[in-house]
C-alpha atoms as a PDB file:
ATOM      1  CA  UNK A   1      -0.068 -49.137 -27.262  1.00  0.00           C
ATOM      2  CA  UNK A   2      -2.682 -46.612 -26.968  1.00  0.00           C
ATOM      3  CA  UNK A   3      -3.579 -47.781 -23.264  1.00  0.00           C
ATOM      4  CA  UNK A   4       0.135 -47.292 -22.768  1.00  0.00           C
ATOM      5  CA  UNK A   5       0.412 -43.908 -24.049  1.00  0.00           C
ATOM      6  CA  UNK A   6      -2.934 -42.844 -22.228  1.00  0.00           C
ATOM      7  CA  UNK A   7      -1.058 -44.163 -18.820  1.00  0.00           C
ATOM      8  CA  UNK A   8       2.320 -42.206 -19.528  1.00  0.00           C
ATOM      9  CA  UNK A   9       0.690 -39.021 -20.813  1.00  0.00           C
ATOM     10  CA  UNK A  10      -2.147 -38.602 -18.138  1.00  0.00           C
ATOM     11  CA  UNK A  11       0.348 -37.501 -15.202  1.00  0.00           C
ATOM     12  CA  UNK A  12       1.657 -34.920 -17.425  1.00  0.00           C
ATOM     13  CA  UNK A  13      -1.810 -33.853 -18.522  1.00  0.00           C
ATOM     14  CA  UNK A  14      -2.824 -33.763 -14.854  1.00  0.00           C
ATOM     15  CA  UNK A  15       0.150 -31.697 -13.886  1.00  0.00           C
ATOM     16  CA  UNK A  16      -0.354 -29.110 -16.693  1.00  0.00           C
ATOM     17  CA  UNK A  17      -4.224 -28.803 -15.476  1.00  0.00           C
ATOM     18  CA  UNK A  18      -3.021 -28.210 -12.185  1.00  0.00           C
ATOM     19  CA  UNK A  19      -0.327 -25.707 -12.847  1.00  0.00           C
ATOM     20  CA  UNK A  20      -2.646 -23.728 -15.207  1.00  0.00           C
ATOM     21  CA  UNK A  21      -5.489 -23.991 -12.482  1.00  0.00           C
ATOM     22  CA  UNK A  22      -2.850 -22.254  -9.998  1.00  0.00           C
ATOM     23  CA  UNK A  23      -2.314 -19.651 -12.488  1.00  0.00           C
ATOM     24  CA  UNK A  24      -5.858 -18.632 -12.959  1.00  0.00           C
ATOM     25  CA  UNK A  25      -6.295 -18.536  -9.138  1.00  0.00           C
ATOM     26  CA  UNK A  26      -3.194 -16.281  -8.977  1.00  0.00           C
ATOM     27  CA  UNK A  27      -4.598 -14.160 -11.814  1.00  0.00           C
ATOM     28  CA  UNK A  28      -8.007 -14.152  -9.921  1.00  0.00           C
ATOM     29  CA  UNK A  29      -6.557 -12.774  -6.804  1.00  0.00           C
ATOM     30  CA  UNK A  30      -4.750  -9.870  -8.534  1.00  0.00           C
ATOM     31  CA  UNK A  31      -7.765  -9.008 -10.207  1.00  0.00           C
ATOM     32  CA  UNK A  32      -9.827  -8.975  -6.909  1.00  0.00           C
ATOM     33  CA  UNK A  33      -7.146  -6.792  -5.660  1.00  0.00           C
ATOM     34  CA  UNK A  34      -7.109  -4.234  -8.377  1.00  0.00           C
ATOM     35  CA  UNK A  35     -10.678  -4.152  -8.092  1.00  0.00           C
ATOM     36  CA  UNK A  36     -10.575  -3.367  -4.686  1.00  0.00           C
ATOM     37  CA  UNK A  37      -7.934  -0.662  -5.084  1.00  0.00           C
ATOM     38  CA  UNK A  38     -10.128   1.161  -8.061  1.00  0.00           C
ATOM     39  CA  UNK A  39     -13.009   1.145  -5.394  1.00  0.00           C
ATOM     40  CA  UNK A  40     -10.831   2.673  -2.879  1.00  0.00           C
ATOM     41  CA  UNK A  41      -9.226   5.211  -5.355  1.00  0.00           C
ATOM     42  CA  UNK A  42     -12.917   6.502  -6.044  1.00  0.00           C
ATOM     43  CA  UNK A  43     -13.466   6.720  -2.321  1.00  0.00           C
ATOM     44  CA  UNK A  44     -10.223   8.779  -1.782  1.00  0.00           C
ATOM     45  CA  UNK A  45     -11.484  10.764  -4.813  1.00  0.00           C
ATOM     46  CA  UNK A  46     -14.694  11.695  -3.063  1.00  0.00           C
ATOM     47  CA  UNK A  47     -12.797  12.999  -0.322  1.00  0.00           C
ATOM     48  CA  UNK A  48     -10.408  14.972  -2.538  1.00  0.00           C
ATOM     49  CA  UNK A  49     -13.448  16.693  -4.318  1.00  0.00           C
ATOM     50  CA  UNK A  50     -14.863  17.601  -0.995  1.00  0.00           C
ATOM     51  CA  UNK A  51     -11.637  19.151   0.038  1.00  0.00           C
ATOM     52  CA  UNK A  52     -11.211  21.175  -2.884  1.00  0.00           C
ATOM     53  CA  UNK A  53     -14.749  22.350  -2.733  1.00  0.00           C
ATOM     54  CA  UNK A  54     -14.612  23.502   0.679  1.00  0.00           C
ATOM     55  CA  UNK A  55     -11.044  25.035  -0.091  1.00  0.00           C
ATOM     56  CA  UNK A  56     -12.762  27.009  -2.985  1.00  0.00           C
ATOM     57  CA  UNK A  57     -15.674  28.583  -1.065  1.00  0.00           C
ATOM     58  CA  UNK A  58     -13.580  29.775   1.877  1.00  0.00           C
ATOM     59  CA  UNK A  59     -11.427  32.663   1.411  1.00  0.00           C
ATOM     60  CA  UNK A  60      -9.142  31.830   3.870  1.00  0.00           C
ATOM     61  CA  UNK A  61      -7.424  28.315   3.901  1.00  0.00           C
ATOM     62  CA  UNK A  62      -6.938  26.871   6.082  1.00  0.00           C
ATOM     63  CA  UNK A  63      -8.633  28.738   8.681  1.00  0.00           C
ATOM     64  CA  UNK A  64      -6.755  30.843  11.156  1.00  0.00           C
ATOM     65  CA  UNK A  65      -5.469  28.600  13.903  1.00  0.00           C
ATOM     66  CA  UNK A  66      -5.409  25.277  11.926  1.00  0.00           C
ATOM     67  CA  UNK A  67      -1.915  25.892   9.651  1.00  0.00           C
ATOM     68  CA  UNK A  68      -0.007  22.994   9.200  1.00  0.00           C
ATOM     69  CA  UNK A  69       3.905  22.286   9.610  1.00  0.00           C
ATOM     70  CA  UNK A  70       5.670  21.044   6.705  1.00  0.00           C
ATOM     71  CA  UNK A  71       8.860  19.575   8.276  1.00  0.00           C
ATOM     72  CA  UNK A  72       7.849  16.338   9.860  1.00  0.00           C
ATOM     73  CA  UNK A  73       5.278  15.559   7.013  1.00  0.00           C
ATOM     74  CA  UNK A  74       8.018  16.056   4.556  1.00  0.00           C
ATOM     75  CA  UNK A  75      10.373  13.812   6.380  1.00  0.00           C
ATOM     76  CA  UNK A  76       7.334  11.137   6.431  1.00  0.00           C
ATOM     77  CA  UNK A  77       6.568  11.657   2.739  1.00  0.00           C
ATOM     78  CA  UNK A  78      10.435  11.011   1.882  1.00  0.00           C
ATOM     79  CA  UNK A  79      10.282   7.836   4.327  1.00  0.00           C
ATOM     80  CA  UNK A  80       7.047   6.407   2.841  1.00  0.00           C
ATOM     81  CA  UNK A  81       8.233   7.042  -0.922  1.00  0.00           C
ATOM     82  CA  UNK A  82      11.362   5.623  -0.184  1.00  0.00           C
ATOM     83  CA  UNK A  83       9.799   2.505   1.009  1.00  0.00           C
ATOM     84  CA  UNK A  84       8.240   2.036  -2.434  1.00  0.00           C
ATOM     85  CA  UNK A  85      11.519   1.490  -3.856  1.00  0.00           C
ATOM     86  CA  UNK A  86      12.640  -0.744  -0.871  1.00  0.00           C
ATOM     87  CA  UNK A  87       9.590  -3.138  -1.211  1.00  0.00           C
ATOM     88  CA  UNK A  88      10.370  -3.301  -5.142  1.00  0.00           C
ATOM     89  CA  UNK A  89      13.802  -4.635  -4.247  1.00  0.00           C
ATOM     90  CA  UNK A  90      12.063  -7.271  -2.216  1.00  0.00           C
ATOM     91  CA  UNK A  91       9.855  -8.264  -5.468  1.00  0.00           C
ATOM     92  CA  UNK A  92      12.838  -8.117  -7.638  1.00  0.00           C
ATOM     93  CA  UNK A  93      14.681 -10.586  -5.006  1.00  0.00           C
ATOM     94  CA  UNK A  94      11.882 -13.295  -5.097  1.00  0.00           C
ATOM     95  CA  UNK A  95      12.074 -13.470  -8.900  1.00  0.00           C
ATOM     96  CA  UNK A  96      15.489 -14.567  -8.627  1.00  0.00           C
ATOM     97  CA  UNK A  97      14.378 -17.142  -6.128  1.00  0.00           C
ATOM     98  CA  UNK A  98      16.182 -15.098  -3.345  1.00  0.00           C
ATOM     99  CA  UNK A  99      13.687 -15.735  -0.378  1.00  0.00           C
ATOM    100  CA  UNK A 100      16.067 -14.304   2.154  1.00  0.00           C
ATOM    101  CA  UNK A 101      16.495 -11.193   0.231  1.00  0.00           C
ATOM    102  CA  UNK A 102      12.931 -10.823  -0.152  1.00  0.00           C
ATOM    103  CA  UNK A 103      12.648 -11.213   3.701  1.00  0.00           C
ATOM    104  CA  UNK A 104      15.361  -8.574   4.333  1.00  0.00           C
ATOM    105  CA  UNK A 105      13.716  -5.903   1.906  1.00  0.00           C
ATOM    106  CA  UNK A 106      10.420  -6.592   3.376  1.00  0.00           C
ATOM    107  CA  UNK A 107      11.370  -6.251   6.745  1.00  0.00           C
ATOM    108  CA  UNK A 108      12.733  -2.938   5.886  1.00  0.00           C
ATOM    109  CA  UNK A 109       9.695  -1.784   4.469  1.00  0.00           C
ATOM    110  CA  UNK A 110       7.827  -2.670   7.303  1.00  0.00           C
ATOM    111  CA  UNK A 111      10.097  -0.816   9.687  1.00  0.00           C
ATOM    112  CA  UNK A 112       9.590   2.322   7.332  1.00  0.00           C
ATOM    113  CA  UNK A 113       5.989   1.994   7.380  1.00  0.00           C
ATOM    114  CA  UNK A 114       5.763   1.752  10.933  1.00  0.00           C
ATOM    115  CA  UNK A 115       8.134   4.980  11.221  1.00  0.00           C
ATOM    116  CA  UNK A 116       5.577   6.738   9.076  1.00  0.00           C
ATOM    117  CA  UNK A 117       2.680   5.711  11.278  1.00  0.00           C
ATOM    118  CA  UNK A 118       4.713   6.736  14.518  1.00  0.00           C
ATOM    119  CA  UNK A 119       5.368  10.294  12.733  1.00  0.00           C
ATOM    120  CA  UNK A 120       1.797  10.815  11.959  1.00  0.00           C
ATOM    121  CA  UNK A 121       0.505  10.113  15.477  1.00  0.00           C
ATOM    122  CA  UNK A 122       3.096  12.394  16.803  1.00  0.00           C
ATOM    123  CA  UNK A 123       2.040  15.098  14.242  1.00  0.00           C
ATOM    124  CA  UNK A 124      -1.479  14.412  15.578  1.00  0.00           C
ATOM    125  CA  UNK A 125      -0.429  15.045  19.169  1.00  0.00           C
ATOM    126  CA  UNK A 126       1.145  18.235  18.484  1.00  0.00           C
ATOM    127  CA  UNK A 127      -0.884  19.887  16.044  1.00  0.00           C
ATOM    128  CA  UNK A 128      -3.050  21.869  18.500  1.00  0.00           C
ATOM    129  CA  UNK A 129      -6.425  21.259  16.843  1.00  0.00           C
ATOM    130  CA  UNK A 130      -9.064  18.471  16.437  1.00  0.00           C
ATOM    131  CA  UNK A 131     -11.173  16.581  14.358  1.00  0.00           C
ATOM    132  CA  UNK A 132     -14.210  19.228  15.080  1.00  0.00           C
ATOM    133  CA  UNK A 133     -12.132  22.315  15.323  1.00  0.00           C
ATOM    134  CA  UNK A 134     -13.426  23.652  11.641  1.00  0.00           C
ATOM    135  CA  UNK A 135     -13.983  22.204   8.165  1.00  0.00           C
ATOM    136  CA  UNK A 136     -10.260  21.964   7.288  1.00  0.00           C
ATOM    137  CA  UNK A 137      -9.369  20.399  10.407  1.00  0.00           C
ATOM    138  CA  UNK A 138     -12.143  17.645   9.818  1.00  0.00           C
ATOM    139  CA  UNK A 139     -10.929  17.078   6.320  1.00  0.00           C
ATOM    140  CA  UNK A 140      -7.443  16.930   7.545  1.00  0.00           C
ATOM    141  CA  UNK A 141      -8.109  14.268   9.921  1.00  0.00           C
ATOM    142  CA  UNK A 142     -10.381  12.154   7.811  1.00  0.00           C
ATOM    143  CA  UNK A 143      -8.122  11.932   4.862  1.00  0.00           C
ATOM    144  CA  UNK A 144      -4.939  11.290   6.789  1.00  0.00           C
ATOM    145  CA  UNK A 145      -6.681   8.913   9.242  1.00  0.00           C
ATOM    146  CA  UNK A 146      -8.290   7.038   6.472  1.00  0.00           C
ATOM    147  CA  UNK A 147      -4.700   6.611   4.552  1.00  0.00           C
ATOM    148  CA  UNK A 148      -3.120   5.730   7.918  1.00  0.00           C
ATOM    149  CA  UNK A 149      -5.862   2.885   7.957  1.00  0.00           C
ATOM    150  CA  UNK A 150      -4.530   1.808   4.845  1.00  0.00           C
ATOM    151  CA  UNK A 151      -0.826   2.362   5.638  1.00  0.00           C
ATOM    152  CA  UNK A 152      -1.587  -0.108   8.644  1.00  0.00           C
ATOM    153  CA  UNK A 153      -3.122  -2.648   6.448  1.00  0.00           C
ATOM    154  CA  UNK A 154      -0.317  -2.643   4.294  1.00  0.00           C
ATOM    155  CA  UNK A 155       1.898  -3.463   7.109  1.00  0.00           C
ATOM    156  CA  UNK A 156      -0.280  -6.248   8.104  1.00  0.00           C
ATOM    157  CA  UNK A 157      -0.085  -7.565   4.472  1.00  0.00           C
ATOM    158  CA  UNK A 158       3.869  -7.229   4.588  1.00  0.00           C
ATOM    159  CA  UNK A 159       4.089  -8.775   7.819  1.00  0.00           C
ATOM    160  CA  UNK A 160       1.848 -11.660   6.455  1.00  0.00           C
ATOM    161  CA  UNK A 161       4.270 -12.450   3.673  1.00  0.00           C
ATOM    162  CA  UNK A 162       7.397 -12.441   6.154  1.00  0.00           C
ATOM    163  CA  UNK A 163       5.307 -14.851   8.258  1.00  0.00           C
ATOM    164  CA  UNK A 164       4.435 -17.170   5.317  1.00  0.00           C
ATOM    165  CA  UNK A 165       7.977 -16.772   3.840  1.00  0.00           C
ATOM    166  CA  UNK A 166       9.251 -18.735   6.934  1.00  0.00           C
ATOM    167  CA  UNK A 167       8.138 -22.016   5.590  1.00  0.00           C
ATOM    168  CA  UNK A 168      10.606 -23.438   2.889  1.00  0.00           C
ATOM    169  CA  UNK A 169       9.193 -23.249  -0.358  1.00  0.00           C
ATOM    170  CA  UNK A 170       6.054 -21.259   0.162  1.00  0.00           C
ATOM    171  CA  UNK A 171       7.565 -18.708  -1.932  1.00  0.00           C
ATOM    172  CA  UNK A 172       9.687 -18.869  -5.028  1.00  0.00           C
ATOM    173  CA  UNK A 173      10.728 -17.314  -8.367  1.00  0.00           C
ATOM    174  CA  UNK A 174       7.486 -18.936  -9.847  1.00  0.00           C
ATOM    175  CA  UNK A 175       5.011 -18.596  -6.929  1.00  0.00           C
ATOM    176  CA  UNK A 176       5.086 -15.156  -5.241  1.00  0.00           C
ATOM    177  CA  UNK A 177       1.509 -13.695  -5.837  1.00  0.00           C
ATOM    178  CA  UNK A 178       1.048 -12.775  -2.394  1.00  0.00           C
ATOM    179  CA  UNK A 179       4.525 -10.680  -2.459  1.00  0.00           C
ATOM    180  CA  UNK A 180       3.239  -8.991  -5.722  1.00  0.00           C
ATOM    181  CA  UNK A 181      -0.174  -8.135  -4.259  1.00  0.00           C
ATOM    182  CA  UNK A 182       1.577  -6.890  -1.046  1.00  0.00           C
ATOM    183  CA  UNK A 183       3.833  -4.557  -3.481  1.00  0.00           C
ATOM    184  CA  UNK A 184       0.888  -3.302  -5.578  1.00  0.00           C
ATOM    185  CA  UNK A 185      -1.031  -2.546  -2.405  1.00  0.00           C
ATOM    186  CA  UNK A 186       1.862  -0.440  -0.926  1.00  0.00           C
ATOM    187  CA  UNK A 187       2.376   1.363  -4.284  1.00  0.00           C
ATOM    188  CA  UNK A 188      -1.263   2.493  -4.023  1.00  0.00           C
ATOM    189  CA  UNK A 189      -0.686   3.704  -0.467  1.00  0.00           C
ATOM    190  CA  UNK A 190       2.276   5.767  -1.524  1.00  0.00           C
ATOM    191  CA  UNK A 191       0.399   7.383  -4.289  1.00  0.00           C
ATOM    192  CA  UNK A 192      -2.791   8.244  -2.346  1.00  0.00           C
ATOM    193  CA  UNK A 193      -0.135   9.942   0.234  1.00  0.00           C
ATOM    194  CA  UNK A 194       1.794  11.919  -2.547  1.00  0.00           C
ATOM    195  CA  UNK A 195      -1.912  13.672  -3.548  1.00  0.00           C
ATOM    196  CA  UNK A 196      -3.019  13.945  -0.122  1.00  0.00           C
ATOM    197  CA  UNK A 197       0.678  15.700   0.896  1.00  0.00           C
ATOM    198  CA  UNK A 198       0.233  17.978  -2.064  1.00  0.00           C
ATOM    199  CA  UNK A 199      -3.397  18.834  -1.157  1.00  0.00           C
ATOM    200  CA  UNK A 200      -2.809  19.161   2.438  1.00  0.00           C
ATOM    201  CA  UNK A 201       0.452  20.635   2.818  1.00  0.00           C
ATOM    202  CA  UNK A 202       2.263  21.991  -0.314  1.00  0.00           C
ATOM    203  CA  UNK A 203      -0.973  23.974  -1.662  1.00  0.00           C
ATOM    204  CA  UNK A 204      -1.705  25.597   1.717  1.00  0.00           C
ATOM    205  CA  UNK A 205       1.412  27.452   0.951  1.00  0.00           C
ATOM    206  CA  UNK A 206      -0.288  29.286  -1.668  1.00  0.00           C
END
């Protein structure tokens, strides 16, 4: 009887162990991403502190000839911030096992992110000053460029999700860690941009 019980219970035990291992692996992936984002936050924090230092020691900021325009960056900000809500709809869809809905919202997010990058590239082309013009322009290009790189990486993550989701069963209501990681990263990119927009554009008005 004991041998029979062992045979019956073993598959269940193996299945439970496998599921627990999968959940632990997912948790480690998310933890790794959060650790990475904390390190990136510290790096951006260094940029912000340096920018505020130079702003504080210069009487005129930004220096003459390196003013910024608000219209295009404001449109870009609206697009990027809105994309955070859109990507969340994708996460909500997969939690309902709606892979098609997730793909739709993630594709829209990718388009919005691409529009943001194109808008930033157009702004660079029309500013009239470069990286080495003065301290402000140096800070401006380094911070927005570094952020733009993060947006590009976020786009790659989203496109990776869309590519993998073509395979039936790859993502489901109970298996979607990759989707959650892409969403977390995208929210991080948006939060950093809000700080950048405030420092580089809004505060230059005062």
